[in-house]
Protein backbone atom coordinates (compact mmCIF):
# COMPACT_ATOMS: atom_id res chain seq x y z
CA UNK A 1 -28.22 -3.53 31.26
CA UNK A 2 -32.11 -4.27 32.27
CA UNK A 3 -34.62 -6.73 31.23
CA UNK A 4 -36.68 -3.80 29.79
CA UNK A 5 -33.40 -2.43 27.72
CA UNK A 6 -33.60 -5.97 25.62
CA UNK A 7 -35.97 -4.71 22.19
CA UNK A 8 -33.73 -1.77 21.91
CA UNK A 9 -30.63 -3.49 22.24
CA UNK A 10 -32.21 -5.77 19.80
CA UNK A 11 -33.03 -3.32 17.39
CA UNK A 12 -29.64 -1.14 17.51
CA UNK A 13 -27.20 -1.38 14.71
CA UNK A 14 -24.81 -3.16 17.42
CA UNK A 15 -26.22 -4.20 20.47
CA UNK A 16 -23.68 -3.69 23.79
CA UNK A 17 -25.09 -5.12 26.93
CA UNK A 18 -22.68 -5.04 30.19
CA UNK A 19 -20.99 -7.98 31.30
CA UNK A 20 -21.08 -8.09 35.15
CA UNK A 21 -24.33 -6.36 35.51
CA UNK A 22 -26.60 -6.75 32.97
CA UNK A 23 -29.66 -9.54 32.67
CA UNK A 24 -29.28 -13.17 30.97
CA UNK A 25 -32.20 -11.69 28.74
CA UNK A 26 -30.41 -8.42 27.82
CA UNK A 27 -26.80 -10.16 27.28
CA UNK A 28 -28.67 -12.72 25.00
CA UNK A 29 -30.40 -10.31 22.68
CA UNK A 30 -26.96 -7.99 22.43
CA UNK A 31 -24.08 -8.19 19.92
CA UNK A 32 -21.35 -7.14 22.06
CA UNK A 33 -20.70 -8.04 25.65
CA UNK A 34 -18.60 -5.27 27.60
CA UNK A 35 -17.30 -7.40 30.14
CA UNK A 36 -15.72 -4.59 32.55
CA UNK A 37 -18.87 -2.77 32.25
CA UNK A 38 -16.48 0.57 31.51
CA UNK A 39 -17.80 2.59 28.62
CA UNK A 40 -14.20 3.82 27.82
CA UNK A 41 -13.22 0.40 26.77
CA UNK A 42 -15.96 0.71 23.35
CA UNK A 43 -13.83 3.68 22.73
CA UNK A 44 -10.82 2.19 22.51
CA UNK A 45 -12.17 -0.93 21.07
CA UNK A 46 -13.65 1.21 18.16
CA UNK A 47 -10.30 3.04 17.70
CA UNK A 48 -8.55 -0.27 17.29
CA UNK A 49 -10.72 -1.66 15.04
CA UNK A 50 -10.57 0.91 12.86
CA UNK A 51 -6.80 0.67 12.83
CA UNK A 52 -6.79 -3.05 11.93
CA UNK A 53 -9.14 -2.53 9.05
CA UNK A 54 -7.62 0.25 7.64
CA UNK A 55 -4.16 -1.25 7.88
CA UNK A 56 -5.72 -4.41 6.10
CA UNK A 57 -6.93 -2.37 3.48
CA UNK A 58 -4.12 -0.42 2.72
CA UNK A 59 -1.97 -3.60 2.60
CA UNK A 60 -4.36 -5.02 0.18
CA UNK A 61 -4.38 -2.00 -2.23
CA UNK A 62 -0.26 -1.69 -2.06
CA UNK A 63 -0.03 -5.29 -2.93
CA UNK A 64 -2.47 -5.46 -5.89
CA UNK A 65 -0.67 -2.28 -6.95
CA UNK A 66 1.93 -3.78 -7.57
CA UNK A 67 0.73 -7.04 -9.07
CA UNK A 68 -1.15 -4.81 -11.48
CA UNK A 69 2.03 -2.69 -12.15
CA UNK A 70 3.93 -5.62 -12.78
CA UNK A 71 1.26 -7.28 -15.37
CA UNK A 72 0.62 -3.92 -17.32
CA UNK A 73 4.44 -3.42 -17.95
CA UNK A 74 4.52 -7.25 -19.89
CA UNK A 75 1.66 -6.44 -21.31
CA UNK A 76 2.26 -3.16 -23.12
CA UNK A 77 5.86 -4.27 -24.04
CA UNK A 78 4.18 -7.72 -25.71
CA UNK A 79 1.72 -5.53 -27.22
CA UNK A 80 4.51 -3.33 -28.96
CA UNK A 81 6.11 -6.37 -29.76
CA UNK A 82 9.08 -5.92 -28.08
CA UNK A 83 10.75 -8.49 -25.68
CA UNK A 84 9.79 -8.67 -22.24
CA UNK A 85 11.14 -6.36 -20.10
CA UNK A 86 11.21 -8.77 -17.12
CA UNK A 87 12.10 -12.76 -17.06
CA UNK A 88 10.13 -15.14 -14.61
CA UNK A 89 13.39 -15.02 -12.12
CA UNK A 90 12.73 -10.63 -12.05
CA UNK A 91 8.97 -10.97 -11.37
CA UNK A 92 9.78 -13.69 -8.62
CA UNK A 93 12.09 -11.56 -7.15
CA UNK A 94 10.18 -8.20 -7.30
CA UNK A 95 7.33 -10.18 -5.50
CA UNK A 96 9.66 -12.02 -2.94
CA UNK A 97 11.30 -8.54 -2.15
CA UNK A 98 8.68 -5.57 -2.32
CA UNK A 99 5.43 -7.32 -1.10
CA UNK A 100 5.99 -9.60 1.89
CA UNK A 101 7.91 -7.54 4.15
CA UNK A 102 6.80 -4.32 2.99
CA UNK A 103 3.35 -5.50 3.29
CA UNK A 104 3.52 -6.94 7.11
CA UNK A 105 5.43 -4.12 8.11
CA UNK A 106 2.40 -1.85 6.87
CA UNK A 107 -0.02 -4.16 8.58
CA UNK A 108 1.38 -3.08 11.76
CA UNK A 109 1.39 0.27 11.24
CA UNK A 110 0.78 3.16 13.51
CA UNK A 111 -2.57 4.62 13.33
CA UNK A 112 -3.44 8.71 12.00
CA UNK A 113 -4.39 10.61 14.68
CA UNK A 114 -7.22 11.17 13.48
CA UNK A 115 -8.43 8.06 13.36
CA UNK A 116 -11.55 8.82 15.77
CA UNK A 117 -12.16 11.83 13.92
CA UNK A 118 -13.84 9.77 10.82
CA UNK A 119 -17.06 9.52 10.06
CA UNK A 120 -17.94 5.86 10.50
CA UNK A 121 -17.88 3.49 7.14
CA UNK A 122 -21.04 2.32 5.79
CA UNK A 123 -21.31 -1.58 6.87
CA UNK A 124 -22.16 -2.78 3.57
CA UNK A 125 -19.24 -0.94 1.78
CA UNK A 126 -16.71 -3.39 0.29
CA UNK A 127 -13.15 -3.73 1.83
CA UNK A 128 -12.11 -2.70 -1.61
CA UNK A 129 -14.49 -0.13 -3.01
CA UNK A 130 -14.35 2.46 -6.11
CA UNK A 131 -11.77 4.44 -4.41
CA UNK A 132 -9.39 2.45 -3.59
CA UNK A 133 -9.76 0.03 -7.21
CA UNK A 134 -9.12 3.83 -8.73
CA UNK A 135 -5.30 3.98 -6.06
CA UNK A 136 -4.63 0.48 -7.32
CA UNK A 137 -5.08 1.47 -11.14
CA UNK A 138 -3.20 4.65 -10.77
CA UNK A 139 -0.37 3.11 -9.18
CA UNK A 140 -0.38 0.30 -11.77
CA UNK A 141 -0.61 3.18 -14.86
CA UNK A 142 2.29 5.12 -12.93
CA UNK A 143 4.55 2.61 -11.63
CA UNK A 144 4.36 0.35 -15.67
CA UNK A 145 4.63 3.45 -17.41
CA UNK A 146 7.57 4.55 -15.39
CA UNK A 147 9.15 0.91 -15.46
CA UNK A 148 8.31 1.01 -19.31
CA UNK A 149 9.80 4.36 -20.00
CA UNK A 150 13.75 3.44 -19.17
CA UNK A 151 13.15 0.07 -21.04
CA UNK A 152 12.32 1.50 -23.88
CA UNK A 153 14.51 4.50 -23.57
CA UNK A 154 17.46 2.13 -23.22
CA UNK A 155 16.92 0.06 -25.41
CA UNK A 156 15.63 3.02 -28.14
CA UNK A 157 17.42 5.86 -27.43
CA UNK A 158 20.24 4.85 -25.63
CA UNK A 159 21.35 1.90 -27.37
CA UNK A 160 22.24 -0.45 -24.79
CA UNK A 161 22.08 -3.92 -24.91
CA UNK A 162 19.09 -6.06 -23.99
CA UNK A 163 19.91 -7.18 -20.55
CA UNK A 164 21.39 -3.61 -19.98
CA UNK A 165 17.76 -2.47 -20.29
CA UNK A 166 16.19 -5.43 -18.51
CA UNK A 167 18.38 -4.50 -15.92
CA UNK A 168 17.35 -1.00 -15.71
CA UNK A 169 13.69 -1.93 -15.89
CA UNK A 170 14.35 -4.40 -13.15
CA UNK A 171 16.01 -2.43 -10.39
CA UNK A 172 13.44 0.67 -11.38
CA UNK A 173 10.42 -1.23 -10.42
CA UNK A 174 11.77 -2.71 -7.47
CA UNK A 175 12.76 0.24 -5.87
CA UNK A 176 9.50 1.79 -7.03
CA UNK A 177 7.69 -0.61 -5.56
CA UNK A 178 9.66 -0.42 -2.17
CA UNK A 179 9.21 3.76 -2.22
CA UNK A 180 5.71 3.49 -2.75
CA UNK A 181 5.00 1.74 0.28
CA UNK A 182 5.49 5.74 1.89
CA UNK A 183 2.28 6.43 0.29
CA UNK A 184 0.33 3.78 1.30
CA UNK A 185 0.67 4.07 4.81
CA UNK A 186 -1.75 6.94 4.90
CA UNK A 187 -5.01 7.06 3.28
CA UNK A 188 -5.75 11.12 4.07
CA UNK A 189 -2.09 12.67 4.92
CA UNK A 190 0.87 12.92 2.59
CA UNK A 191 4.13 11.39 3.85
CA UNK A 192 5.32 14.19 5.90
CA UNK A 193 2.17 14.69 7.63
CA UNK A 194 1.76 11.46 8.47
CA UNK A 195 4.49 10.93 11.12
CA UNK A 196 7.02 9.71 8.61
CA UNK A 197 9.71 7.93 10.71
CA UNK A 198 6.88 6.48 13.10
CA UNK A 199 7.14 2.99 11.52
CA UNK A 200 10.70 1.72 12.10
CA UNK A 201 9.66 -1.60 10.71
CA UNK A 202 9.02 -0.64 7.45
CA UNK A 203 12.22 2.12 7.22
CA UNK A 204 14.30 -0.68 7.90
CA UNK A 205 12.95 -3.12 5.46
CA UNK A 206 12.86 -0.69 2.62
CA UNK A 207 16.74 -0.13 3.71
CA UNK A 208 17.57 -3.91 3.91
CA UNK A 209 15.69 -4.29 0.40
CA UNK A 210 17.67 -1.60 -1.41
CA UNK A 211 20.88 -2.82 -0.23
CA UNK A 212 19.88 -6.53 -1.42
CA UNK A 213 19.09 -4.84 -4.61
CA UNK A 214 22.38 -2.99 -5.39
CA UNK A 215 24.41 -6.22 -3.93
CA UNK A 216 22.41 -8.45 -6.75
CA UNK A 217 23.32 -6.25 -9.62
CA UNK A 218 26.99 -5.79 -8.22
CA UNK A 219 27.57 -9.62 -7.15
CA UNK A 220 28.42 -11.52 -10.52
CA UNK A 221 27.42 -14.71 -9.82
CA UNK A 222 23.74 -13.19 -9.11
CA UNK A 223 23.95 -11.04 -12.37
CA UNK A 224 24.60 -14.23 -14.38
CA UNK A 225 22.08 -16.11 -12.84
CA UNK A 226 19.42 -13.50 -13.10
CA UNK A 227 20.94 -12.56 -16.52
CA UNK A 228 21.03 -8.94 -15.76
CA UNK A 229 23.69 -6.50 -17.79
CA UNK A 230 26.37 -4.12 -15.56
CA UNK A 231 25.02 -1.25 -14.53
CA UNK A 232 27.19 1.66 -13.54
CA UNK A 233 26.48 3.67 -10.47
CA UNK A 234 25.06 6.72 -12.28
CA UNK A 235 22.49 3.84 -14.21
CA UNK A 236 21.65 2.81 -10.30
CA UNK A 237 21.08 7.11 -9.52
CA UNK A 238 18.87 7.05 -12.64
CA UNK A 239 16.41 4.00 -11.88
CA UNK A 240 16.52 5.14 -8.04
CA UNK A 241 15.23 8.81 -9.49
CA UNK A 242 12.82 7.16 -11.64
CA UNK A 243 11.68 5.00 -8.46
CA UNK A 244 10.37 8.50 -6.83
CA UNK A 245 7.65 9.52 -9.68
CA UNK A 246 5.03 6.99 -8.70
CA UNK A 247 5.76 7.70 -4.70
CA UNK A 248 5.55 11.48 -5.88
CA UNK A 249 2.70 11.42 -7.90
CA UNK A 250 0.62 9.13 -5.78
CA UNK A 251 1.35 12.23 -2.83
CA UNK A 252 0.23 14.65 -5.42
CA UNK A 253 -3.13 12.90 -5.79
CA UNK A 254 -3.50 13.52 -2.14
CA UNK A 255 -3.29 16.65 -2.64
CA UNK A 256 -5.39 17.37 -5.23
CA UNK A 257 -8.14 15.00 -3.38
CA UNK A 258 -8.05 16.94 -0.56
CA UNK A 259 -8.61 20.34 -2.10
CA UNK A 260 -11.41 19.43 -4.35
CA UNK A 261 -13.11 17.79 -1.43
CA UNK A 262 -12.60 21.03 0.63
CA UNK A 263 -14.14 23.10 -2.41
CA UNK A 264 -16.87 20.79 -2.11
CA UNK A 265 -17.57 21.58 1.60
CA UNK A 266 -16.66 25.28 0.97
CA UNK A 267 -19.41 25.43 -1.65
CA UNK A 268 -22.02 23.29 0.08
C-alpha cells in the first residue's frame, strides 16, 4: 500500500494494491486494485477466475469434439464410397440439439471441489493445448466410429434400407453427443465423483433433447421431412446403448490418465 511497495508491485506477475489505504503511486503501478482492502477477496477472485476459465475451456472442447466427429463420420463414408450417413438437415439438427443448450449448461457448471488445490497454470499456455486437442481427437474418433459402425452394420449385415441405416446413425450420433456432455463436466473426476446431479440444467437439457429426438423419429411428418426410416423401440434401444460407448471410453480414459500420473509421482 505504500510508495516503497511500488517497485515490487511493478515486478510481480500480478501486482495488487489496496483500494482504500494505498497511495496513488502504488495504485498506478498495480495490475489489480483490491477495493475492499480484504485479502480474502483475492482467494474468491482466484476461485471464480479458475471456474470461469475451466468452464469456457471444457465447453469449447465439447463443441469441437462433436463437430469433428460429424466431419470424420462423413469422411469415412465418402472414402469407402458409401452413401452419406447423414443428410444436411440431419447435421443441422444435431448441431442445434447437441451444442447450444448443453454447451450453455456446461458453461455455468458448478466447479470441482478441488479447484483451488490445483497448481496455477502457465499464463502463456493456450486455451486449447495438447491435452485438450487430444481429448477432441479421441472423442471425434470414437463417436464417429460408433456412428459408422451402426450405419455400416444396418446396411451390410442387417440388410436394412438406406433410410433406416441413416436413422440409426442419426439417432446414435445425437444420443452420443448429448451423453458425452457428462464426461466433459470435469477434466479430472469421473462422472460419479463429480457430483453427477449438481448441474440440474444439464440434466434437464439432455432429458428434453432426448424426448425431442425420439418424437422426431416417431412422428410421421418429421420422419418424412428428415427422410428417416421407421425405427422400432428395439432399434432406439440399440442406438442408445451404442451412444453410451463414447462417454464410457472418455471416463475410462480419465482413470487411465490418473493412474499413469500416480505411477509417475510414485517413481519420481
